[in-house]
Amino acid sequence: MTFATIFALFGAMVVLALVPGPAVVAVTSRAMSSGFSHGASTTIGIVLGDYVFVLLSISGLAFIAETMGNLFVAIKYLGAAYLVWLGIGLLRSRGTVENPGDAGKSSHFANLLLGLATTLGNPKAILFYLSFFPAFLNMQQISAVDLFCVLLVVTIAVGSVNLGYAYLAARTGGLIKIPPGPPRST
């Protein structure tokens, strides 16, 4: 890879990372509710998920992604079931306002897994990488140094954009406060 190729790949990755999608939603929601460090943990998971897809697409093992297609479907159904469960819980709740400070009790590892699942649960990501890399790389002559450069570009481009979103969301979350009110009787 030449420096011009690395720079072009970096620019394209930054632009694509700036487009809001599931990863941005996951990072901003965690950062807004739990703080910047939780958004950063989610970002690490997202970058790790991108590593998986980069390695699959560069190594030419797209058939593994096809094989994992059932895993993607299972992740989507589990996510949908979880959302339904949350919705039922909200419908059955008495409408009390919780202390926003309680939202930060999720672990950093759970947020990392959220980021990883968000990326791996989005099969469009591997299709993107499979169609994207041939424009920047000679797939027949890729070296270990090229692979390292691509992973570094993904880390810096995707990581910095999502950390920026996490920072802005954490700052916004700190500005939004639910005023304390009288306790509700049940």
C-alpha atoms as a PDB file:
ATOM      1  CA  MET A   1       0.000   0.000   0.000  1.00  0.00           C
ATOM      2  CA  THR A   2       1.228   3.470  -0.807  1.00  0.00           C
ATOM      3  CA  PHE A   3       0.749   6.479   1.446  1.00  0.00           C
ATOM      4  CA  ALA A   4      -1.746   7.866  -1.071  1.00  0.00           C
ATOM      5  CA  THR A   5      -3.778   4.642  -0.859  1.00  0.00           C
ATOM      6  CA  ILE A   6      -3.655   4.677   2.943  1.00  0.00           C
ATOM      7  CA  PHE A   7      -4.752   8.328   3.002  1.00  0.00           C
ATOM      8  CA  ALA A   8      -7.586   7.689   0.518  1.00  0.00           C
ATOM      9  CA  LEU A   9      -8.759   4.650   2.497  1.00  0.00           C
ATOM     10  CA  PHE A  10      -8.640   6.664   5.711  1.00  0.00           C
ATOM     11  CA  GLY A  11     -10.658   9.525   4.208  1.00  0.00           C
ATOM     12  CA  ALA A  12     -13.280   7.170   2.835  1.00  0.00           C
ATOM     13  CA  MET A  13     -13.525   5.302   6.165  1.00  0.00           C
ATOM     14  CA  VAL A  14     -13.976   8.562   8.107  1.00  0.00           C
ATOM     15  CA  VAL A  15     -16.730   9.744   5.786  1.00  0.00           C
ATOM     16  CA  LEU A  16     -18.505   6.396   6.034  1.00  0.00           C
ATOM     17  CA  ALA A  17     -18.100   6.284   9.825  1.00  0.00           C
ATOM     18  CA  LEU A  18     -19.662   9.745  10.098  1.00  0.00           C
ATOM     19  CA  VAL A  19     -22.908   8.480   8.536  1.00  0.00           C
ATOM     20  CA  PRO A  20     -25.205   7.595  11.449  1.00  0.00           C
ATOM     21  CA  GLY A  21     -26.168   3.962  11.731  1.00  0.00           C
ATOM     22  CA  PRO A  22     -26.570   1.264  14.389  1.00  0.00           C
ATOM     23  CA  ALA A  23     -23.039   1.807  15.718  1.00  0.00           C
ATOM     24  CA  VAL A  24     -23.594   5.527  16.243  1.00  0.00           C
ATOM     25  CA  VAL A  25     -26.901   4.848  17.990  1.00  0.00           C
ATOM     26  CA  ALA A  26     -25.268   2.312  20.323  1.00  0.00           C
ATOM     27  CA  VAL A  27     -22.330   4.590  21.162  1.00  0.00           C
ATOM     28  CA  THR A  28     -24.378   7.727  21.715  1.00  0.00           C
ATOM     29  CA  SER A  29     -27.036   6.020  23.792  1.00  0.00           C
ATOM     30  CA  ARG A  30     -24.447   4.445  26.112  1.00  0.00           C
ATOM     31  CA  ALA A  31     -22.447   7.662  26.388  1.00  0.00           C
ATOM     32  CA  MET A  32     -25.499   9.809  26.971  1.00  0.00           C
ATOM     33  CA  SER A  33     -26.958   7.582  29.667  1.00  0.00           C
ATOM     34  CA  SER A  34     -23.784   6.290  31.320  1.00  0.00           C
ATOM     35  CA  GLY A  35     -20.955   8.637  30.424  1.00  0.00           C
ATOM     36  CA  PHE A  36     -18.092   8.881  27.969  1.00  0.00           C
ATOM     37  CA  SER A  37     -16.195   5.847  29.260  1.00  0.00           C
ATOM     38  CA  HIS A  38     -19.173   3.583  28.538  1.00  0.00           C
ATOM     39  CA  GLY A  39     -19.436   5.034  25.029  1.00  0.00           C
ATOM     40  CA  ALA A  40     -15.701   4.406  24.625  1.00  0.00           C
ATOM     41  CA  SER A  41     -16.164   0.772  25.696  1.00  0.00           C
ATOM     42  CA  THR A  42     -18.910   0.400  23.108  1.00  0.00           C
ATOM     43  CA  THR A  43     -16.588   1.944  20.503  1.00  0.00           C
ATOM     44  CA  ILE A  44     -13.914  -0.644  21.294  1.00  0.00           C
ATOM     45  CA  GLY A  45     -16.461  -3.398  20.684  1.00  0.00           C
ATOM     46  CA  ILE A  46     -17.470  -1.817  17.377  1.00  0.00           C
ATOM     47  CA  VAL A  47     -13.851  -1.630  16.230  1.00  0.00           C
ATOM     48  CA  LEU A  48     -13.292  -5.271  17.262  1.00  0.00           C
ATOM     49  CA  GLY A  49     -16.328  -6.258  15.202  1.00  0.00           C
ATOM     50  CA  ASP A  50     -14.918  -4.330  12.255  1.00  0.00           C
ATOM     51  CA  TYR A  51     -11.639  -6.240  12.693  1.00  0.00           C
ATOM     52  CA  VAL A  52     -13.549  -9.502  12.297  1.00  0.00           C
ATOM     53  CA  PHE A  53     -15.149  -8.302   9.066  1.00  0.00           C
ATOM     54  CA  VAL A  54     -11.913  -6.813   7.732  1.00  0.00           C
ATOM     55  CA  LEU A  55     -10.063 -10.062   8.367  1.00  0.00           C
ATOM     56  CA  LEU A  56     -12.839 -12.109   6.784  1.00  0.00           C
ATOM     57  CA  SER A  57     -13.038  -9.937   3.694  1.00  0.00           C
ATOM     58  CA  ILE A  58      -9.316  -9.496   3.181  1.00  0.00           C
ATOM     59  CA  SER A  59      -8.510 -13.147   3.680  1.00  0.00           C
ATOM     60  CA  GLY A  60     -11.046 -14.036   1.023  1.00  0.00           C
ATOM     61  CA  LEU A  61     -13.124 -16.092   3.417  1.00  0.00           C
ATOM     62  CA  ALA A  62     -16.456 -14.597   2.503  1.00  0.00           C
ATOM     63  CA  PHE A  63     -17.980 -18.067   2.651  1.00  0.00           C
ATOM     64  CA  ILE A  64     -17.506 -17.999   6.439  1.00  0.00           C
ATOM     65  CA  ALA A  65     -19.719 -14.944   6.567  1.00  0.00           C
ATOM     66  CA  GLU A  66     -22.261 -16.839   4.510  1.00  0.00           C
ATOM     67  CA  THR A  67     -21.974 -19.730   6.953  1.00  0.00           C
ATOM     68  CA  MET A  68     -22.406 -17.293   9.816  1.00  0.00           C
ATOM     69  CA  GLY A  69     -25.573 -16.012   8.154  1.00  0.00           C
ATOM     70  CA  ASN A  70     -27.641 -18.087  10.569  1.00  0.00           C
ATOM     71  CA  LEU A  71     -25.726 -16.543  13.451  1.00  0.00           C
ATOM     72  CA  PHE A  72     -26.649 -13.078  12.166  1.00  0.00           C
ATOM     73  CA  VAL A  73     -30.283 -14.101  11.967  1.00  0.00           C
ATOM     74  CA  ALA A  74     -30.127 -15.512  15.502  1.00  0.00           C
ATOM     75  CA  ILE A  75     -28.567 -12.293  16.817  1.00  0.00           C
ATOM     76  CA  LYS A  76     -31.296 -10.229  15.148  1.00  0.00           C
ATOM     77  CA  TYR A  77     -34.058 -12.401  16.617  1.00  0.00           C
ATOM     78  CA  LEU A  78     -32.489 -12.315  20.080  1.00  0.00           C
ATOM     79  CA  GLY A  79     -32.216  -8.529  19.814  1.00  0.00           C
ATOM     80  CA  ALA A  80     -35.839  -8.258  18.700  1.00  0.00           C
ATOM     81  CA  ALA A  81     -36.972 -10.530  21.549  1.00  0.00           C
ATOM     82  CA  TYR A  82     -35.043  -8.379  24.011  1.00  0.00           C
ATOM     83  CA  LEU A  83     -36.681  -5.217  22.671  1.00  0.00           C
ATOM     84  CA  VAL A  84     -40.131  -6.845  22.931  1.00  0.00           C
ATOM     85  CA  TRP A  85     -39.332  -7.873  26.515  1.00  0.00           C
ATOM     86  CA  LEU A  86     -38.269  -4.293  27.323  1.00  0.00           C
ATOM     87  CA  GLY A  87     -41.441  -2.944  25.695  1.00  0.00           C
ATOM     88  CA  ILE A  88     -43.644  -5.280  27.714  1.00  0.00           C
ATOM     89  CA  GLY A  89     -41.791  -4.243  30.842  1.00  0.00           C
ATOM     90  CA  LEU A  90     -42.397  -0.579  30.017  1.00  0.00           C
ATOM     91  CA  LEU A  91     -46.081  -1.187  29.370  1.00  0.00           C
ATOM     92  CA  ARG A  92     -46.446  -2.995  32.683  1.00  0.00           C
ATOM     93  CA  SER A  93     -44.494  -0.382  34.673  1.00  0.00           C
ATOM     94  CA  ARG A  94     -46.260   2.201  36.751  1.00  0.00           C
ATOM     95  CA  GLY A  95     -44.662   5.104  34.940  1.00  0.00           C
ATOM     96  CA  THR A  96     -42.207   6.049  37.658  1.00  0.00           C
ATOM     97  CA  VAL A  97     -39.165   8.115  36.794  1.00  0.00           C
ATOM     98  CA  GLU A  98     -35.944   6.362  37.666  1.00  0.00           C
ATOM     99  CA  ASN A  99     -32.838   8.098  38.870  1.00  0.00           C
ATOM    100  CA  PRO A 100     -30.734   8.766  35.765  1.00  0.00           C
ATOM    101  CA  GLY A 101     -27.650   8.033  37.847  1.00  0.00           C
ATOM    102  CA  ASP A 102     -28.684   4.380  37.920  1.00  0.00           C
ATOM    103  CA  ALA A 103     -28.063   4.083  34.177  1.00  0.00           C
ATOM    104  CA  GLY A 104     -24.295   4.067  34.709  1.00  0.00           C
ATOM    105  CA  LYS A 105     -24.374   0.742  36.505  1.00  0.00           C
ATOM    106  CA  SER A 106     -23.794  -1.279  33.329  1.00  0.00           C
ATOM    107  CA  SER A 107     -20.304  -2.704  33.045  1.00  0.00           C
ATOM    108  CA  HIS A 108     -17.717  -1.660  30.537  1.00  0.00           C
ATOM    109  CA  PHE A 109     -17.471  -5.276  29.386  1.00  0.00           C
ATOM    110  CA  ALA A 110     -21.229  -5.328  28.701  1.00  0.00           C
ATOM    111  CA  ASN A 111     -20.835  -2.159  26.636  1.00  0.00           C
ATOM    112  CA  LEU A 112     -17.917  -3.690  24.738  1.00  0.00           C
ATOM    113  CA  LEU A 113     -20.107  -6.712  23.955  1.00  0.00           C
ATOM    114  CA  LEU A 114     -22.897  -4.353  22.863  1.00  0.00           C
ATOM    115  CA  GLY A 115     -20.546  -2.718  20.363  1.00  0.00           C
ATOM    116  CA  LEU A 116     -19.287  -6.078  19.125  1.00  0.00           C
ATOM    117  CA  ALA A 117     -22.819  -7.455  18.734  1.00  0.00           C
ATOM    118  CA  THR A 118     -23.936  -4.267  16.990  1.00  0.00           C
ATOM    119  CA  THR A 119     -21.257  -4.666  14.341  1.00  0.00           C
ATOM    120  CA  LEU A 120     -21.496  -8.446  13.986  1.00  0.00           C
ATOM    121  CA  GLY A 121     -25.282  -8.244  13.870  1.00  0.00           C
ATOM    122  CA  ASN A 122     -25.072  -6.000  10.831  1.00  0.00           C
ATOM    123  CA  PRO A 123     -24.221  -8.256   7.866  1.00  0.00           C
ATOM    124  CA  LYS A 124     -24.200  -5.217   5.594  1.00  0.00           C
ATOM    125  CA  ALA A 125     -20.826  -4.354   7.126  1.00  0.00           C
ATOM    126  CA  ILE A 126     -19.053  -7.373   5.646  1.00  0.00           C
ATOM    127  CA  LEU A 127     -20.707  -6.779   2.293  1.00  0.00           C
ATOM    128  CA  PHE A 128     -19.440  -3.217   2.474  1.00  0.00           C
ATOM    129  CA  TYR A 129     -15.876  -4.342   3.188  1.00  0.00           C
ATOM    130  CA  LEU A 130     -16.003  -7.017   0.489  1.00  0.00           C
ATOM    131  CA  SER A 131     -17.004  -4.447  -2.102  1.00  0.00           C
ATOM    132  CA  PHE A 132     -14.924  -1.588  -0.681  1.00  0.00           C
ATOM    133  CA  PHE A 133     -11.419  -3.040  -0.304  1.00  0.00           C
ATOM    134  CA  PRO A 134     -10.821  -4.073  -3.932  1.00  0.00           C
ATOM    135  CA  ALA A 135     -10.911  -0.373  -4.852  1.00  0.00           C
ATOM    136  CA  PHE A 136      -7.977   0.314  -2.515  1.00  0.00           C
ATOM    137  CA  LEU A 137      -6.049  -2.962  -2.321  1.00  0.00           C
ATOM    138  CA  ASN A 138      -4.635  -5.505  -4.706  1.00  0.00           C
ATOM    139  CA  MET A 139      -6.329  -8.471  -3.067  1.00  0.00           C
ATOM    140  CA  GLN A 140      -3.982 -10.990  -4.745  1.00  0.00           C
ATOM    141  CA  GLN A 141      -0.830  -9.351  -3.388  1.00  0.00           C
ATOM    142  CA  ILE A 142      -1.805  -8.192   0.097  1.00  0.00           C
ATOM    143  CA  SER A 143       0.968  -8.492   2.671  1.00  0.00           C
ATOM    144  CA  ALA A 144       1.012  -8.609   6.459  1.00  0.00           C
ATOM    145  CA  VAL A 145       2.114  -4.962   6.456  1.00  0.00           C
ATOM    146  CA  ASP A 146      -0.865  -4.059   4.252  1.00  0.00           C
ATOM    147  CA  LEU A 147      -3.203  -5.885   6.623  1.00  0.00           C
ATOM    148  CA  PHE A 148      -1.688  -4.053   9.592  1.00  0.00           C
ATOM    149  CA  CYS A 149      -2.133  -0.717   7.788  1.00  0.00           C
ATOM    150  CA  VAL A 150      -5.797  -1.490   7.030  1.00  0.00           C
ATOM    151  CA  LEU A 151      -6.478  -2.462  10.658  1.00  0.00           C
ATOM    152  CA  LEU A 152      -4.729   0.705  11.834  1.00  0.00           C
ATOM    153  CA  VAL A 153      -6.796   2.828   9.439  1.00  0.00           C
ATOM    154  CA  VAL A 154     -10.008   1.152  10.649  1.00  0.00           C
ATOM    155  CA  THR A 155      -8.979   1.685  14.279  1.00  0.00           C
ATOM    156  CA  ILE A 156      -8.204   5.362  13.839  1.00  0.00           C
ATOM    157  CA  ALA A 157     -11.040   6.224  11.429  1.00  0.00           C
ATOM    158  CA  VAL A 158     -13.916   4.262  12.975  1.00  0.00           C
ATOM    159  CA  GLY A 159     -12.613   4.623  16.527  1.00  0.00           C
ATOM    160  CA  SER A 160     -12.045   8.372  16.437  1.00  0.00           C
ATOM    161  CA  VAL A 161     -15.387   9.132  14.796  1.00  0.00           C
ATOM    162  CA  ASN A 162     -17.284   7.008  17.316  1.00  0.00           C
ATOM    163  CA  LEU A 163     -15.296   8.452  20.223  1.00  0.00           C
ATOM    164  CA  GLY A 164     -16.269  11.894  18.926  1.00  0.00           C
ATOM    165  CA  TYR A 165     -19.908  10.853  18.958  1.00  0.00           C
ATOM    166  CA  ALA A 166     -19.443   9.427  22.468  1.00  0.00           C
ATOM    167  CA  TYR A 167     -17.890  12.666  23.691  1.00  0.00           C
ATOM    168  CA  LEU A 168     -20.678  14.818  22.263  1.00  0.00           C
ATOM    169  CA  ALA A 169     -23.359  12.477  23.611  1.00  0.00           C
ATOM    170  CA  ALA A 170     -21.788  12.398  27.074  1.00  0.00           C
ATOM    171  CA  ARG A 171     -21.658  16.200  27.132  1.00  0.00           C
ATOM    172  CA  THR A 172     -25.283  16.375  26.003  1.00  0.00           C
ATOM    173  CA  GLY A 173     -26.339  13.750  28.537  1.00  0.00           C
ATOM    174  CA  GLY A 174     -24.718  15.826  31.271  1.00  0.00           C
ATOM    175  CA  LEU A 175     -26.798  18.845  30.243  1.00  0.00           C
ATOM    176  CA  ILE A 176     -30.095  16.968  30.309  1.00  0.00           C
ATOM    177  CA  LYS A 177     -31.278  16.458  33.841  1.00  0.00           C
ATOM    178  CA  ILE A 178     -34.593  15.175  35.140  1.00  0.00           C
ATOM    179  CA  PRO A 179     -35.636  17.555  37.913  1.00  0.00           C
ATOM    180  CA  PRO A 180     -36.346  15.849  41.209  1.00  0.00           C
ATOM    181  CA  GLY A 181     -40.018  15.817  41.998  1.00  0.00           C
ATOM    182  CA  PRO A 182     -42.159  14.650  44.828  1.00  0.00           C
ATOM    183  CA  PRO A 183     -42.220  10.884  45.226  1.00  0.00           C
ATOM    184  CA  ARG A 184     -45.119   9.220  43.463  1.00  0.00           C
ATOM    185  CA  SER A 185     -47.476   7.151  45.473  1.00  0.00           C
ATOM    186  CA  THR A 186     -48.301   3.709  44.128  1.00  0.00           C
END
